[in-house]
């Protein structure tokens, strides 16, 4: 996210401060709306990143035994 943010700031840096802030606000609002739209149809209990991490941990711990 920081790379995208820095790129956007550099893109709008030459504009007046209010215009720059308004454009950055609009960028964030569009991004949040896009994510909300994508996540509205998501049916799993965990997000993909957490699901993958959990599956990796489960693979690593498959042969563990209690002592």
C-alpha atoms as a PDB file:
ATOM      1  CA  UNK A   1       0.000   0.000   0.000  1.00  0.00           C
ATOM      2  CA  UNK A   2       2.809   2.454   0.777  1.00  0.00           C
ATOM      3  CA  UNK A   3       4.267   2.183  -2.732  1.00  0.00           C
ATOM      4  CA  UNK A   4       0.888   2.941  -4.276  1.00  0.00           C
ATOM      5  CA  UNK A   5       0.361   5.823  -1.852  1.00  0.00           C
ATOM      6  CA  UNK A   6       3.789   7.320  -2.625  1.00  0.00           C
ATOM      7  CA  UNK A   7       3.140   7.010  -6.357  1.00  0.00           C
ATOM      8  CA  UNK A   8      -0.200   8.784  -6.036  1.00  0.00           C
ATOM      9  CA  UNK A   9       1.307  11.553  -3.905  1.00  0.00           C
ATOM     10  CA  UNK A  10       4.055  12.095  -6.486  1.00  0.00           C
ATOM     11  CA  UNK A  11       1.465  12.179  -9.268  1.00  0.00           C
ATOM     12  CA  UNK A  12      -0.590  14.912  -7.562  1.00  0.00           C
ATOM     13  CA  UNK A  13       2.311  16.782  -5.932  1.00  0.00           C
ATOM     14  CA  UNK A  14       2.414  19.568  -8.526  1.00  0.00           C
ATOM     15  CA  UNK A  15      -1.197  20.568  -7.865  1.00  0.00           C
ATOM     16  CA  UNK A  16      -2.471  22.982  -5.212  1.00  0.00           C
ATOM     17  CA  UNK A  17      -2.739  21.432  -1.746  1.00  0.00           C
ATOM     18  CA  UNK A  18      -6.554  21.293  -1.649  1.00  0.00           C
ATOM     19  CA  UNK A  19      -6.732  19.709  -5.089  1.00  0.00           C
ATOM     20  CA  UNK A  20      -4.053  17.204  -4.137  1.00  0.00           C
ATOM     21  CA  UNK A  21      -5.880  16.238  -0.943  1.00  0.00           C
ATOM     22  CA  UNK A  22      -9.210  15.954  -2.758  1.00  0.00           C
ATOM     23  CA  UNK A  23      -7.700  13.699  -5.425  1.00  0.00           C
ATOM     24  CA  UNK A  24      -6.072  11.503  -2.772  1.00  0.00           C
ATOM     25  CA  UNK A  25      -9.374  11.295  -0.887  1.00  0.00           C
ATOM     26  CA  UNK A  26     -11.187  10.265  -4.074  1.00  0.00           C
ATOM     27  CA  UNK A  27      -8.507   7.655  -4.784  1.00  0.00           C
ATOM     28  CA  UNK A  28      -8.981   6.140  -1.326  1.00  0.00           C
ATOM     29  CA  UNK A  29     -12.773   6.188  -1.595  1.00  0.00           C
ATOM     30  CA  UNK A  30     -12.677   4.432  -4.989  1.00  0.00           C
ATOM     31  CA  UNK A  31     -10.271   1.840  -3.616  1.00  0.00           C
ATOM     32  CA  UNK A  32     -12.421   1.161  -0.543  1.00  0.00           C
ATOM     33  CA  UNK A  33     -15.580   0.924  -2.673  1.00  0.00           C
ATOM     34  CA  UNK A  34     -13.898  -1.560  -5.000  1.00  0.00           C
ATOM     35  CA  UNK A  35     -12.765  -3.715  -2.076  1.00  0.00           C
ATOM     36  CA  UNK A  36     -16.219  -3.547  -0.489  1.00  0.00           C
ATOM     37  CA  UNK A  37     -17.822  -4.682  -3.752  1.00  0.00           C
ATOM     38  CA  UNK A  38     -15.422  -7.614  -4.091  1.00  0.00           C
ATOM     39  CA  UNK A  39     -15.843  -8.666  -0.457  1.00  0.00           C
ATOM     40  CA  UNK A  40     -19.634  -8.446  -0.575  1.00  0.00           C
ATOM     41  CA  UNK A  41     -19.717 -11.679  -2.596  1.00  0.00           C
ATOM     42  CA  UNK A  42     -17.071 -13.470  -0.486  1.00  0.00           C
ATOM     43  CA  UNK A  43     -18.522 -16.530   1.242  1.00  0.00           C
ATOM     44  CA  UNK A  44     -15.626 -18.032   3.220  1.00  0.00           C
ATOM     45  CA  UNK A  45     -15.096 -17.547   6.935  1.00  0.00           C
ATOM     46  CA  UNK A  46     -11.441 -16.515   6.606  1.00  0.00           C
ATOM     47  CA  UNK A  47      -9.787 -14.150   4.165  1.00  0.00           C
ATOM     48  CA  UNK A  48      -7.595 -15.756   1.503  1.00  0.00           C
ATOM     49  CA  UNK A  49      -4.310 -14.732   3.128  1.00  0.00           C
ATOM     50  CA  UNK A  50      -5.311 -16.130   6.505  1.00  0.00           C
ATOM     51  CA  UNK A  51      -6.720 -19.286   4.872  1.00  0.00           C
ATOM     52  CA  UNK A  52      -3.416 -19.928   3.069  1.00  0.00           C
ATOM     53  CA  UNK A  53      -1.400 -19.348   6.240  1.00  0.00           C
ATOM     54  CA  UNK A  54      -3.626 -21.745   8.149  1.00  0.00           C
ATOM     55  CA  UNK A  55      -3.285 -24.409   5.439  1.00  0.00           C
ATOM     56  CA  UNK A  56       0.514 -24.035   5.474  1.00  0.00           C
ATOM     57  CA  UNK A  57       0.573 -24.426   9.254  1.00  0.00           C
ATOM     58  CA  UNK A  58      -1.695 -27.461   9.009  1.00  0.00           C
ATOM     59  CA  UNK A  59       0.694 -29.069   6.485  1.00  0.00           C
ATOM     60  CA  UNK A  60       3.662 -28.435   8.779  1.00  0.00           C
ATOM     61  CA  UNK A  61       1.917 -29.824  11.848  1.00  0.00           C
ATOM     62  CA  UNK A  62       0.322 -32.864  10.220  1.00  0.00           C
ATOM     63  CA  UNK A  63       2.819 -35.316  11.732  1.00  0.00           C
ATOM     64  CA  UNK A  64       3.172 -33.749  15.185  1.00  0.00           C
ATOM     65  CA  UNK A  65       2.305 -35.877  18.185  1.00  0.00           C
ATOM     66  CA  UNK A  66       1.487 -34.916  21.756  1.00  0.00           C
ATOM     67  CA  UNK A  67       4.050 -35.848  24.393  1.00  0.00           C
END
